[in-house]
Amino acid sequence: MGTTVKKRKLRSPRKSNFAGKLLELIAMRHVPQALYVAAVLGIADLIAKQAKSSAELAQATGSHPDFLYRILRTLVAAGVLRKDE
């Protein structure tokens, strides 16, 4: 048995640029909101000396772990924070 591979159609650069720009515009709205939440919770102070997991940060700030994880993930994607394993 073999694997069948289909040739992908290339998208026109115009469509690709439009989609990329649209995603960029959507994401721009979330980064300032995530920065605001991180500032209010004092995340920078909590990770200044030692890296902490999102669960540890949620416990220290009294915030919902899943929601805080999403906030932190947004800041990592924006290049504000760095994720360590």
PDB file of N, CA and C in Angstrom:
ATOM      1  N   MET A   1       0.836  -1.167   0.000  1.00  0.00           N
ATOM      2  CA  MET A   1       0.000   0.000   0.000  1.00  0.00           C
ATOM      3  C   MET A   1       0.887   1.238   0.000  1.00  0.00           C
ATOM      4  N   GLY A   2       0.526   2.197  -0.805  1.00  0.00           N
ATOM      5  CA  GLY A   2       1.304   3.429  -0.887  1.00  0.00           C
ATOM      6  C   GLY A   2       0.504   4.607  -0.379  1.00  0.00           C
ATOM      7  N   THR A   3       1.167   5.707  -0.341  1.00  0.00           N
ATOM      8  CA  THR A   3       0.529   6.947   0.087  1.00  0.00           C
ATOM      9  C   THR A   3       0.279   7.804  -1.132  1.00  0.00           C
ATOM     10  N   THR A   4      -0.900   8.333  -1.236  1.00  0.00           N
ATOM     11  CA  THR A   4      -1.230   9.205  -2.353  1.00  0.00           C
ATOM     12  C   THR A   4      -1.075  10.650  -1.923  1.00  0.00           C
ATOM     13  N   VAL A   5      -0.342  11.402  -2.704  1.00  0.00           N
ATOM     14  CA  VAL A   5      -0.123  12.807  -2.396  1.00  0.00           C
ATOM     15  C   VAL A   5      -0.659  13.626  -3.544  1.00  0.00           C
ATOM     16  N   LYS A   6      -1.497  14.593  -3.237  1.00  0.00           N
ATOM     17  CA  LYS A   6      -2.033  15.479  -4.255  1.00  0.00           C
ATOM     18  C   LYS A   6      -1.241  16.763  -4.286  1.00  0.00           C
ATOM     19  N   LYS A   7      -1.097  17.284  -5.455  1.00  0.00           N
ATOM     20  CA  LYS A   7      -0.423  18.568  -5.600  1.00  0.00           C
ATOM     21  C   LYS A   7      -1.375  19.667  -5.141  1.00  0.00           C
ATOM     22  N   ARG A   8      -0.863  20.535  -4.264  1.00  0.00           N
ATOM     23  CA  ARG A   8      -1.698  21.637  -3.764  1.00  0.00           C
ATOM     24  C   ARG A   8      -1.714  22.769  -4.766  1.00  0.00           C
ATOM     25  N   LYS A   9      -2.865  23.393  -4.874  1.00  0.00           N
ATOM     26  CA  LYS A   9      -2.944  24.596  -5.689  1.00  0.00           C
ATOM     27  C   LYS A   9      -2.337  25.738  -4.897  1.00  0.00           C
ATOM     28  N   LEU A  10      -1.538  26.526  -5.557  1.00  0.00           N
ATOM     29  CA  LEU A  10      -0.952  27.683  -4.904  1.00  0.00           C
ATOM     30  C   LEU A  10      -1.965  28.808  -4.870  1.00  0.00           C
ATOM     31  N   ARG A  11      -2.038  29.463  -3.737  1.00  0.00           N
ATOM     32  CA  ARG A  11      -2.934  30.607  -3.619  1.00  0.00           C
ATOM     33  C   ARG A  11      -2.271  31.823  -4.226  1.00  0.00           C
ATOM     34  N   SER A  12      -3.078  32.692  -4.709  1.00  0.00           N
ATOM     35  CA  SER A  12      -2.501  33.919  -5.252  1.00  0.00           C
ATOM     36  C   SER A  12      -1.954  34.749  -4.102  1.00  0.00           C
ATOM     37  N   PRO A  13      -0.848  35.457  -4.306  1.00  0.00           N
ATOM     38  CA  PRO A  13      -0.262  36.271  -3.236  1.00  0.00           C
ATOM     39  C   PRO A  13      -1.238  37.302  -2.691  1.00  0.00           C
ATOM     40  N   ARG A  14      -2.121  37.777  -3.527  1.00  0.00           N
ATOM     41  CA  ARG A  14      -3.086  38.795  -3.087  1.00  0.00           C
ATOM     42  C   ARG A  14      -4.021  38.237  -2.021  1.00  0.00           C
ATOM     43  N   LYS A  15      -4.538  37.039  -2.244  1.00  0.00           N
ATOM     44  CA  LYS A  15      -5.427  36.421  -1.262  1.00  0.00           C
ATOM     45  C   LYS A  15      -4.660  36.099   0.016  1.00  0.00           C
ATOM     46  N   SER A  16      -3.468  35.576  -0.147  1.00  0.00           N
ATOM     47  CA  SER A  16      -2.657  35.219   1.005  1.00  0.00           C
ATOM     48  C   SER A  16      -2.342  36.452   1.849  1.00  0.00           C
ATOM     49  N   ASN A  17      -1.973  37.535   1.227  1.00  0.00           N
ATOM     50  CA  ASN A  17      -1.679  38.765   1.948  1.00  0.00           C
ATOM     51  C   ASN A  17      -2.917  39.303   2.642  1.00  0.00           C
ATOM     52  N   PHE A  18      -4.052  39.219   2.003  1.00  0.00           N
ATOM     53  CA  PHE A  18      -5.298  39.692   2.597  1.00  0.00           C
ATOM     54  C   PHE A  18      -5.636  38.883   3.844  1.00  0.00           C
ATOM     55  N   ALA A  19      -5.523  37.568   3.744  1.00  0.00           N
ATOM     56  CA  ALA A  19      -5.830  36.711   4.892  1.00  0.00           C
ATOM     57  C   ALA A  19      -4.856  36.970   6.033  1.00  0.00           C
ATOM     58  N   GLY A  20      -3.591  37.124   5.708  1.00  0.00           N
ATOM     59  CA  GLY A  20      -2.597  37.421   6.733  1.00  0.00           C
ATOM     60  C   GLY A  20      -2.856  38.750   7.408  1.00  0.00           C
ATOM     61  N   LYS A  21      -3.210  39.742   6.619  1.00  0.00           N
ATOM     62  CA  LYS A  21      -3.499  41.068   7.174  1.00  0.00           C
ATOM     63  C   LYS A  21      -4.749  41.015   8.049  1.00  0.00           C
ATOM     64  N   LEU A  22      -5.745  40.278   7.623  1.00  0.00           N
ATOM     65  CA  LEU A  22      -6.969  40.151   8.401  1.00  0.00           C
ATOM     66  C   LEU A  22      -6.685  39.497   9.753  1.00  0.00           C
ATOM     67  N   LEU A  23      -5.889  38.430   9.743  1.00  0.00           N
ATOM     68  CA  LEU A  23      -5.535  37.776  11.006  1.00  0.00           C
ATOM     69  C   LEU A  23      -4.732  38.709  11.902  1.00  0.00           C
ATOM     70  N   GLU A  24      -3.847  39.491  11.294  1.00  0.00           N
ATOM     71  CA  GLU A  24      -3.056  40.451  12.068  1.00  0.00           C
ATOM     72  C   GLU A  24      -3.951  41.500  12.725  1.00  0.00           C
ATOM     73  N   LEU A  25      -4.929  41.994  11.996  1.00  0.00           N
ATOM     74  CA  LEU A  25      -5.847  42.986  12.553  1.00  0.00           C
ATOM     75  C   LEU A  25      -6.681  42.413  13.694  1.00  0.00           C
ATOM     76  N   ILE A  26      -7.097  41.168  13.546  1.00  0.00           N
ATOM     77  CA  ILE A  26      -7.879  40.521  14.602  1.00  0.00           C
ATOM     78  C   ILE A  26      -7.011  40.337  15.847  1.00  0.00           C
ATOM     79  N   ALA A  27      -5.785  39.877  15.659  1.00  0.00           N
ATOM     80  CA  ALA A  27      -4.895  39.618  16.790  1.00  0.00           C
ATOM     81  C   ALA A  27      -4.488  40.898  17.506  1.00  0.00           C
ATOM     82  N   MET A  28      -4.390  41.996  16.783  1.00  0.00           N
ATOM     83  CA  MET A  28      -3.965  43.258  17.398  1.00  0.00           C
ATOM     84  C   MET A  28      -4.911  43.683  18.515  1.00  0.00           C
ATOM     85  N   ARG A  29      -6.148  43.313  18.424  1.00  0.00           N
ATOM     86  CA  ARG A  29      -7.122  43.690  19.441  1.00  0.00           C
ATOM     87  C   ARG A  29      -6.878  42.933  20.745  1.00  0.00           C
ATOM     88  N   HIS A  30      -6.415  41.710  20.633  1.00  0.00           N
ATOM     89  CA  HIS A  30      -6.270  40.864  21.808  1.00  0.00           C
ATOM     90  C   HIS A  30      -4.994  41.142  22.600  1.00  0.00           C
ATOM     91  N   VAL A  31      -3.952  41.581  21.946  1.00  0.00           N
ATOM     92  CA  VAL A  31      -2.682  41.787  22.640  1.00  0.00           C
ATOM     93  C   VAL A  31      -2.783  42.893  23.691  1.00  0.00           C
ATOM     94  N   PRO A  32      -3.316  44.076  23.365  1.00  0.00           N
ATOM     95  CA  PRO A  32      -3.439  45.096  24.419  1.00  0.00           C
ATOM     96  C   PRO A  32      -4.315  44.651  25.586  1.00  0.00           C
ATOM     97  N   GLN A  33      -5.371  43.904  25.292  1.00  0.00           N
ATOM     98  CA  GLN A  33      -6.227  43.400  26.363  1.00  0.00           C
ATOM     99  C   GLN A  33      -5.465  42.412  27.241  1.00  0.00           C
ATOM    100  N   ALA A  34      -4.677  41.549  26.619  1.00  0.00           N
ATOM    101  CA  ALA A  34      -3.889  40.580  27.378  1.00  0.00           C
ATOM    102  C   ALA A  34      -2.825  41.286  28.217  1.00  0.00           C
ATOM    103  N   LEU A  35      -2.203  42.317  27.661  1.00  0.00           N
ATOM    104  CA  LEU A  35      -1.223  43.097  28.414  1.00  0.00           C
ATOM    105  C   LEU A  35      -1.864  43.762  29.622  1.00  0.00           C
ATOM    106  N   TYR A  36      -3.051  44.291  29.430  1.00  0.00           N
ATOM    107  CA  TYR A  36      -3.774  44.945  30.529  1.00  0.00           C
ATOM    108  C   TYR A  36      -4.059  43.941  31.655  1.00  0.00           C
ATOM    109  N   VAL A  37      -4.557  42.778  31.300  1.00  0.00           N
ATOM    110  CA  VAL A  37      -4.870  41.755  32.305  1.00  0.00           C
ATOM    111  C   VAL A  37      -3.602  41.327  33.039  1.00  0.00           C
ATOM    112  N   ALA A  38      -2.521  41.104  32.295  1.00  0.00           N
ATOM    113  CA  ALA A  38      -1.260  40.699  32.915  1.00  0.00           C
ATOM    114  C   ALA A  38      -0.742  41.785  33.854  1.00  0.00           C
ATOM    115  N   ALA A  39      -0.906  43.047  33.480  1.00  0.00           N
ATOM    116  CA  ALA A  39      -0.459  44.152  34.337  1.00  0.00           C
ATOM    117  C   ALA A  39      -1.289  44.236  35.605  1.00  0.00           C
ATOM    118  N   VAL A  40      -2.596  44.125  35.482  1.00  0.00           N
ATOM    119  CA  VAL A  40      -3.483  44.200  36.642  1.00  0.00           C
ATOM    120  C   VAL A  40      -3.196  43.054  37.619  1.00  0.00           C
ATOM    121  N   LEU A  41      -2.911  41.868  37.077  1.00  0.00           N
ATOM    122  CA  LEU A  41      -2.638  40.707  37.929  1.00  0.00           C
ATOM    123  C   LEU A  41      -1.210  40.708  38.492  1.00  0.00           C
ATOM    124  N   GLY A  42      -0.345  41.554  37.959  1.00  0.00           N
ATOM    125  CA  GLY A  42       1.036  41.609  38.442  1.00  0.00           C
ATOM    126  C   GLY A  42       1.883  40.433  37.988  1.00  0.00           C
ATOM    127  N   ILE A  43       1.615  39.945  36.788  1.00  0.00           N
ATOM    128  CA  ILE A  43       2.329  38.777  36.265  1.00  0.00           C
ATOM    129  C   ILE A  43       3.834  39.043  36.174  1.00  0.00           C
ATOM    130  N   ALA A  44       4.229  40.214  35.706  1.00  0.00           N
ATOM    131  CA  ALA A  44       5.663  40.520  35.551  1.00  0.00           C
ATOM    132  C   ALA A  44       6.394  40.419  36.886  1.00  0.00           C
ATOM    133  N   ASP A  45       5.778  40.903  37.941  1.00  0.00           N
ATOM    134  CA  ASP A  45       6.404  40.825  39.263  1.00  0.00           C
ATOM    135  C   ASP A  45       6.550  39.376  39.728  1.00  0.00           C
ATOM    136  N   LEU A  46       5.560  38.552  39.383  1.00  0.00           N
ATOM    137  CA  LEU A  46       5.570  37.156  39.823  1.00  0.00           C
ATOM    138  C   LEU A  46       6.622  36.313  39.095  1.00  0.00           C
ATOM    139  N   ILE A  47       6.955  36.690  37.859  1.00  0.00           N
ATOM    140  CA  ILE A  47       7.924  35.901  37.089  1.00  0.00           C
ATOM    141  C   ILE A  47       9.274  36.600  36.964  1.00  0.00           C
ATOM    142  N   ALA A  48       9.454  37.706  37.676  1.00  0.00           N
ATOM    143  CA  ALA A  48      10.695  38.478  37.555  1.00  0.00           C
ATOM    144  C   ALA A  48      11.924  37.676  37.960  1.00  0.00           C
ATOM    145  N   LYS A  49      11.839  36.912  39.017  1.00  0.00           N
ATOM    146  CA  LYS A  49      13.000  36.186  39.527  1.00  0.00           C
ATOM    147  C   LYS A  49      13.040  34.731  39.098  1.00  0.00           C
ATOM    148  N   GLN A  50      11.862  34.150  38.839  1.00  0.00           N
ATOM    149  CA  GLN A  50      11.811  32.723  38.504  1.00  0.00           C
ATOM    150  C   GLN A  50      10.611  32.441  37.616  1.00  0.00           C
ATOM    151  N   ALA A  51      10.814  31.588  36.638  1.00  0.00           N
ATOM    152  CA  ALA A  51       9.708  31.182  35.763  1.00  0.00           C
ATOM    153  C   ALA A  51       8.683  30.400  36.569  1.00  0.00           C
ATOM    154  N   LYS A  52       7.435  30.571  36.210  1.00  0.00           N
ATOM    155  CA  LYS A  52       6.342  29.859  36.873  1.00  0.00           C
ATOM    156  C   LYS A  52       5.379  29.340  35.811  1.00  0.00           C
ATOM    157  N   SER A  53       4.706  28.268  36.146  1.00  0.00           N
ATOM    158  CA  SER A  53       3.712  27.720  35.224  1.00  0.00           C
ATOM    159  C   SER A  53       2.460  28.575  35.265  1.00  0.00           C
ATOM    160  N   SER A  54       1.622  28.393  34.266  1.00  0.00           N
ATOM    161  CA  SER A  54       0.369  29.148  34.244  1.00  0.00           C
ATOM    162  C   SER A  54      -0.514  28.758  35.431  1.00  0.00           C
ATOM    163  N   ALA A  55      -0.441  27.496  35.843  1.00  0.00           N
ATOM    164  CA  ALA A  55      -1.225  27.051  37.006  1.00  0.00           C
ATOM    165  C   ALA A  55      -0.737  27.739  38.283  1.00  0.00           C
ATOM    166  N   GLU A  56       0.586  27.863  38.433  1.00  0.00           N
ATOM    167  CA  GLU A  56       1.138  28.560  39.605  1.00  0.00           C
ATOM    168  C   GLU A  56       0.743  30.031  39.605  1.00  0.00           C
ATOM    169  N   LEU A  57       0.791  30.634  38.422  1.00  0.00           N
ATOM    170  CA  LEU A  57       0.410  32.049  38.325  1.00  0.00           C
ATOM    171  C   LEU A  57      -1.076  32.240  38.616  1.00  0.00           C
ATOM    172  N   ALA A  58      -1.894  31.312  38.143  1.00  0.00           N
ATOM    173  CA  ALA A  58      -3.333  31.393  38.403  1.00  0.00           C
ATOM    174  C   ALA A  58      -3.611  31.293  39.897  1.00  0.00           C
ATOM    175  N   GLN A  59      -2.915  30.380  40.554  1.00  0.00           N
ATOM    176  CA  GLN A  59      -3.112  30.226  41.991  1.00  0.00           C
ATOM    177  C   GLN A  59      -2.639  31.478  42.743  1.00  0.00           C
ATOM    178  N   ALA A  60      -1.502  32.027  42.342  1.00  0.00           N
ATOM    179  CA  ALA A  60      -0.954  33.205  43.018  1.00  0.00           C
ATOM    180  C   ALA A  60      -1.813  34.447  42.817  1.00  0.00           C
ATOM    181  N   THR A  61      -2.519  34.517  41.687  1.00  0.00           N
ATOM    182  CA  THR A  61      -3.333  35.700  41.389  1.00  0.00           C
ATOM    183  C   THR A  61      -4.815  35.490  41.675  1.00  0.00           C
ATOM    184  N   GLY A  62      -5.187  34.247  41.976  1.00  0.00           N
ATOM    185  CA  GLY A  62      -6.595  33.962  42.214  1.00  0.00           C
ATOM    186  C   GLY A  62      -7.431  34.022  40.952  1.00  0.00           C
ATOM    187  N   SER A  63      -6.808  33.724  39.828  1.00  0.00           N
ATOM    188  CA  SER A  63      -7.530  33.774  38.555  1.00  0.00           C
ATOM    189  C   SER A  63      -7.820  32.360  38.049  1.00  0.00           C
ATOM    190  N   HIS A  64      -8.672  32.259  37.058  1.00  0.00           N
ATOM    191  CA  HIS A  64      -9.068  30.980  36.473  1.00  0.00           C
ATOM    192  C   HIS A  64      -7.891  30.441  35.652  1.00  0.00           C
ATOM    193  N   PRO A  65      -7.431  29.208  35.929  1.00  0.00           N
ATOM    194  CA  PRO A  65      -6.247  28.674  35.250  1.00  0.00           C
ATOM    195  C   PRO A  65      -6.340  28.627  33.722  1.00  0.00           C
ATOM    196  N   ASP A  66      -7.480  28.188  33.196  1.00  0.00           N
ATOM    197  CA  ASP A  66      -7.624  28.093  31.739  1.00  0.00           C
ATOM    198  C   ASP A  66      -7.623  29.467  31.080  1.00  0.00           C
ATOM    199  N   PHE A  67      -8.307  30.412  31.686  1.00  0.00           N
ATOM    200  CA  PHE A  67      -8.355  31.763  31.117  1.00  0.00           C
ATOM    201  C   PHE A  67      -6.986  32.426  31.173  1.00  0.00           C
ATOM    202  N   LEU A  68      -6.287  32.256  32.279  1.00  0.00           N
ATOM    203  CA  LEU A  68      -4.955  32.849  32.391  1.00  0.00           C
ATOM    204  C   LEU A  68      -4.003  32.205  31.392  1.00  0.00           C
ATOM    205  N   TYR A  69      -4.132  30.907  31.186  1.00  0.00           N
ATOM    206  CA  TYR A  69      -3.287  30.225  30.189  1.00  0.00           C
ATOM    207  C   TYR A  69      -3.485  30.852  28.817  1.00  0.00           C
ATOM    208  N   ARG A  70      -4.710  31.140  28.451  1.00  0.00           N
ATOM    209  CA  ARG A  70      -4.991  31.764  27.146  1.00  0.00           C
ATOM    210  C   ARG A  70      -4.383  33.150  27.050  1.00  0.00           C
ATOM    211  N   ILE A  71      -4.455  33.900  28.129  1.00  0.00           N
ATOM    212  CA  ILE A  71      -3.853  35.233  28.164  1.00  0.00           C
ATOM    213  C   ILE A  71      -2.341  35.122  27.957  1.00  0.00           C
ATOM    214  N   LEU A  72      -1.716  34.210  28.686  1.00  0.00           N
ATOM    215  CA  LEU A  72      -0.271  34.027  28.574  1.00  0.00           C
ATOM    216  C   LEU A  72       0.125  33.535  27.188  1.00  0.00           C
ATOM    217  N   ARG A  73      -0.673  32.655  26.630  1.00  0.00           N
ATOM    218  CA  ARG A  73      -0.406  32.150  25.278  1.00  0.00           C
ATOM    219  C   ARG A  73      -0.468  33.278  24.252  1.00  0.00           C
ATOM    220  N   THR A  74      -1.398  34.194  24.420  1.00  0.00           N
ATOM    221  CA  THR A  74      -1.494  35.360  23.540  1.00  0.00           C
ATOM    222  C   THR A  74      -0.233  36.212  23.640  1.00  0.00           C
ATOM    223  N   LEU A  75       0.256  36.401  24.853  1.00  0.00           N
ATOM    224  CA  LEU A  75       1.454  37.212  25.052  1.00  0.00           C
ATOM    225  C   LEU A  75       2.706  36.514  24.530  1.00  0.00           C
ATOM    226  N   VAL A  76       2.739  35.203  24.584  1.00  0.00           N
ATOM    227  CA  VAL A  76       3.852  34.462  23.999  1.00  0.00           C
ATOM    228  C   VAL A  76       3.829  34.615  22.478  1.00  0.00           C
ATOM    229  N   ALA A  77       2.652  34.481  21.874  1.00  0.00           N
ATOM    230  CA  ALA A  77       2.531  34.617  20.422  1.00  0.00           C
ATOM    231  C   ALA A  77       2.912  36.021  19.953  1.00  0.00           C
ATOM    232  N   ALA A  78       2.671  37.019  20.790  1.00  0.00           N
ATOM    233  CA  ALA A  78       3.009  38.406  20.445  1.00  0.00           C
ATOM    234  C   ALA A  78       4.475  38.721  20.711  1.00  0.00           C
ATOM    235  N   GLY A  79       5.194  37.796  21.348  1.00  0.00           N
ATOM    236  CA  GLY A  79       6.602  38.014  21.621  1.00  0.00           C
ATOM    237  C   GLY A  79       6.876  38.766  22.907  1.00  0.00           C
ATOM    238  N   VAL A  80       5.856  38.950  23.729  1.00  0.00           N
ATOM    239  CA  VAL A  80       6.012  39.666  24.995  1.00  0.00           C
ATOM    240  C   VAL A  80       6.611  38.742  26.056  1.00  0.00           C
ATOM    241  N   LEU A  81       6.166  37.505  26.080  1.00  0.00           N
ATOM    242  CA  LEU A  81       6.673  36.504  27.026  1.00  0.00           C
ATOM    243  C   LEU A  81       7.300  35.360  26.241  1.00  0.00           C
ATOM    244  N   ARG A  82       8.048  34.522  26.954  1.00  0.00           N
ATOM    245  CA  ARG A  82       8.664  33.342  26.333  1.00  0.00           C
ATOM    246  C   ARG A  82       8.207  32.115  27.111  1.00  0.00           C
ATOM    247  N   LYS A  83       7.866  31.070  26.384  1.00  0.00           N
ATOM    248  CA  LYS A  83       7.410  29.833  27.013  1.00  0.00           C
ATOM    249  C   LYS A  83       8.602  28.905  27.200  1.00  0.00           C
ATOM    250  N   ASP A  84       8.804  28.448  28.427  1.00  0.00           N
ATOM    251  CA  ASP A  84       9.827  27.453  28.731  1.00  0.00           C
ATOM    252  C   ASP A  84       9.126  26.134  29.004  1.00  0.00           C
ATOM    253  N   GLU A  85       9.798  25.067  28.697  1.00  0.00           N
ATOM    254  CA  GLU A  85       9.196  23.749  28.924  1.00  0.00           C
ATOM    255  C   GLU A  85       9.300  23.325  30.339  1.00  0.00           C
TER     256      GLU A  85
END
